[in-house]
Amino acid sequence: MAQNSKTVRIEQIGSPIRREASQRETLIGLKLNKLHRVSELEDTPSVRGMIRKVHHLVRVLEA
C-alpha cells in the first residue's frame, strides 16, 4: 500500500453461521473468519461496499 493511502480497521462481531454463503465469502474477502478478529485494509469503495454488505457482522474501529 502507498504511504498516503488511508486504511480502515474492522472487527468481526457476528458469526456467519446460518447466513447466506455470499456473506461468508465476503467476510473471508475482508480477511475475517473468526469472532473478534481485526483486519486493517485499504479504504477503497470496493472495501466499503463489502463492509456494507456484512455491516451487521462487523464493527468499524477508529484508527
N, C-alpha and C. Protein backbone atom coordinates (compact mmCIF):
# COMPACT_ATOMS: atom_id res chain seq x y z
N MET A 1 0.84 -1.18 0.00
CA MET A 1 0.00 0.00 0.00
C MET A 1 0.88 1.24 0.00
N ALA A 2 0.39 2.27 -0.61
CA ALA A 2 1.11 3.54 -0.61
C ALA A 2 1.03 4.16 0.78
N GLN A 3 2.03 4.96 1.11
CA GLN A 3 2.07 5.53 2.45
C GLN A 3 0.98 6.57 2.68
N ASN A 4 0.50 7.22 1.64
CA ASN A 4 -0.51 8.25 1.79
C ASN A 4 -1.92 7.68 1.78
N SER A 5 -2.08 6.40 1.49
CA SER A 5 -3.42 5.82 1.41
C SER A 5 -3.99 5.63 2.81
N LYS A 6 -5.29 5.80 2.91
CA LYS A 6 -5.97 5.63 4.18
C LYS A 6 -6.34 4.17 4.36
N THR A 7 -6.46 3.78 5.60
CA THR A 7 -6.85 2.41 5.91
C THR A 7 -8.08 2.43 6.79
N VAL A 8 -8.75 1.30 6.84
CA VAL A 8 -9.91 1.13 7.69
C VAL A 8 -9.70 -0.16 8.49
N ARG A 9 -9.97 -0.11 9.79
CA ARG A 9 -9.84 -1.28 10.66
C ARG A 9 -11.23 -1.79 10.97
N ILE A 10 -11.44 -3.08 10.79
CA ILE A 10 -12.74 -3.68 11.07
C ILE A 10 -12.55 -4.90 11.96
N GLU A 11 -13.56 -5.16 12.77
CA GLU A 11 -13.55 -6.30 13.69
C GLU A 11 -14.81 -7.10 13.46
N GLN A 12 -14.68 -8.41 13.42
CA GLN A 12 -15.85 -9.27 13.27
C GLN A 12 -16.52 -9.44 14.62
N ILE A 13 -17.82 -9.13 14.70
CA ILE A 13 -18.55 -9.24 15.96
C ILE A 13 -19.71 -10.22 15.86
N GLY A 14 -19.98 -10.76 14.67
CA GLY A 14 -21.08 -11.69 14.49
C GLY A 14 -20.61 -12.94 13.78
N SER A 15 -21.34 -14.02 14.01
CA SER A 15 -20.99 -15.30 13.41
C SER A 15 -21.67 -15.45 12.05
N PRO A 16 -20.98 -16.04 11.07
CA PRO A 16 -21.60 -16.27 9.78
C PRO A 16 -22.46 -17.53 9.72
N ILE A 17 -22.63 -18.20 10.84
CA ILE A 17 -23.47 -19.40 10.88
C ILE A 17 -24.91 -19.01 10.54
N ARG A 18 -25.55 -19.80 9.71
CA ARG A 18 -26.92 -19.58 9.25
C ARG A 18 -27.07 -18.31 8.43
N ARG A 19 -26.01 -17.88 7.78
CA ARG A 19 -26.05 -16.73 6.87
C ARG A 19 -25.88 -17.26 5.45
N GLU A 20 -26.19 -16.41 4.49
CA GLU A 20 -26.01 -16.79 3.09
C GLU A 20 -24.53 -17.03 2.81
N ALA A 21 -24.25 -17.89 1.87
CA ALA A 21 -22.87 -18.21 1.52
C ALA A 21 -22.12 -16.98 1.05
N SER A 22 -22.80 -16.06 0.37
CA SER A 22 -22.12 -14.86 -0.13
C SER A 22 -21.63 -14.00 1.03
N GLN A 23 -22.35 -13.99 2.16
CA GLN A 23 -21.89 -13.21 3.31
C GLN A 23 -20.65 -13.85 3.94
N ARG A 24 -20.61 -15.17 3.98
CA ARG A 24 -19.41 -15.86 4.48
C ARG A 24 -18.22 -15.54 3.60
N GLU A 25 -18.43 -15.59 2.28
CA GLU A 25 -17.35 -15.31 1.34
C GLU A 25 -16.88 -13.87 1.46
N THR A 26 -17.80 -12.95 1.73
CA THR A 26 -17.42 -11.55 1.91
C THR A 26 -16.55 -11.38 3.14
N LEU A 27 -16.89 -12.06 4.23
CA LEU A 27 -16.05 -12.00 5.44
C LEU A 27 -14.66 -12.53 5.16
N ILE A 28 -14.56 -13.61 4.41
CA ILE A 28 -13.25 -14.16 4.06
C ILE A 28 -12.49 -13.16 3.19
N GLY A 29 -13.19 -12.49 2.28
CA GLY A 29 -12.57 -11.47 1.45
C GLY A 29 -12.05 -10.30 2.26
N LEU A 30 -12.70 -10.02 3.39
CA LEU A 30 -12.25 -8.95 4.29
C LEU A 30 -11.19 -9.45 5.27
N LYS A 31 -10.72 -10.67 5.08
CA LYS A 31 -9.70 -11.30 5.94
C LYS A 31 -10.21 -11.50 7.36
N LEU A 32 -11.50 -11.83 7.46
CA LEU A 32 -12.11 -12.14 8.75
C LEU A 32 -12.76 -13.51 8.63
N ASN A 33 -12.57 -14.35 9.62
CA ASN A 33 -13.27 -15.63 9.63
C ASN A 33 -13.46 -16.18 11.04
N LYS A 34 -13.08 -15.40 12.05
CA LYS A 34 -13.30 -15.80 13.44
C LYS A 34 -13.77 -14.58 14.22
N LEU A 35 -14.56 -14.80 15.24
CA LEU A 35 -15.06 -13.69 16.05
C LEU A 35 -13.92 -12.91 16.68
N HIS A 36 -14.09 -11.61 16.73
CA HIS A 36 -13.16 -10.66 17.37
C HIS A 36 -11.82 -10.56 16.65
N ARG A 37 -11.73 -11.06 15.44
CA ARG A 37 -10.53 -10.87 14.65
C ARG A 37 -10.57 -9.48 14.04
N VAL A 38 -9.43 -8.79 14.02
CA VAL A 38 -9.34 -7.43 13.49
C VAL A 38 -8.54 -7.46 12.20
N SER A 39 -9.01 -6.73 11.20
CA SER A 39 -8.34 -6.65 9.92
C SER A 39 -8.18 -5.19 9.54
N GLU A 40 -7.03 -4.86 8.97
CA GLU A 40 -6.78 -3.49 8.51
C GLU A 40 -6.59 -3.54 7.01
N LEU A 41 -7.48 -2.85 6.29
CA LEU A 41 -7.49 -2.87 4.84
C LEU A 41 -7.44 -1.45 4.28
N GLU A 42 -7.06 -1.34 3.03
CA GLU A 42 -7.05 -0.04 2.36
C GLU A 42 -8.49 0.44 2.19
N ASP A 43 -8.72 1.71 2.44
CA ASP A 43 -10.06 2.28 2.37
C ASP A 43 -10.40 2.63 0.93
N THR A 44 -11.06 1.69 0.24
CA THR A 44 -11.47 1.88 -1.14
C THR A 44 -12.98 1.69 -1.24
N PRO A 45 -13.59 2.14 -2.33
CA PRO A 45 -15.03 1.94 -2.48
C PRO A 45 -15.44 0.47 -2.49
N SER A 46 -14.61 -0.40 -3.02
CA SER A 46 -14.95 -1.82 -3.04
C SER A 46 -14.95 -2.41 -1.63
N VAL A 47 -13.98 -2.01 -0.81
CA VAL A 47 -13.94 -2.49 0.58
C VAL A 47 -15.13 -1.93 1.35
N ARG A 48 -15.47 -0.67 1.12
CA ARG A 48 -16.63 -0.07 1.78
C ARG A 48 -17.92 -0.81 1.40
N GLY A 49 -18.02 -1.23 0.14
CA GLY A 49 -19.19 -2.00 -0.29
C GLY A 49 -19.27 -3.35 0.39
N MET A 50 -18.12 -3.99 0.57
CA MET A 50 -18.09 -5.28 1.26
C MET A 50 -18.49 -5.11 2.72
N ILE A 51 -18.01 -4.03 3.35
CA ILE A 51 -18.37 -3.78 4.75
C ILE A 51 -19.87 -3.53 4.86
N ARG A 52 -20.43 -2.79 3.91
CA ARG A 52 -21.86 -2.51 3.95
C ARG A 52 -22.68 -3.79 3.81
N LYS A 53 -22.18 -4.74 3.01
CA LYS A 53 -22.91 -5.99 2.79
C LYS A 53 -23.02 -6.81 4.07
N VAL A 54 -21.99 -6.74 4.92
CA VAL A 54 -21.99 -7.53 6.16
C VAL A 54 -21.93 -6.61 7.39
N HIS A 55 -22.56 -5.43 7.29
CA HIS A 55 -22.48 -4.43 8.36
C HIS A 55 -23.01 -4.94 9.68
N HIS A 56 -23.89 -5.93 9.65
CA HIS A 56 -24.45 -6.49 10.87
C HIS A 56 -23.51 -7.51 11.53
N LEU A 57 -22.43 -7.86 10.86
CA LEU A 57 -21.47 -8.83 11.39
C LEU A 57 -20.12 -8.22 11.76
N VAL A 58 -19.91 -6.95 11.39
CA VAL A 58 -18.61 -6.31 11.63
C VAL A 58 -18.80 -4.96 12.32
N ARG A 59 -17.71 -4.48 12.89
CA ARG A 59 -17.67 -3.16 13.52
C ARG A 59 -16.45 -2.43 12.95
N VAL A 60 -16.67 -1.17 12.54
CA VAL A 60 -15.57 -0.36 12.04
C VAL A 60 -14.92 0.31 13.23
N LEU A 61 -13.61 0.10 13.39
CA LEU A 61 -12.87 0.66 14.52
C LEU A 61 -12.22 1.96 14.09
N GLU A 62 -12.07 2.88 15.01
CA GLU A 62 -11.40 4.14 14.70
C GLU A 62 -9.90 3.91 14.62
N ALA A 63 -9.26 4.65 13.73
CA ALA A 63 -7.82 4.47 13.51
C ALA A 63 -7.02 5.17 14.56
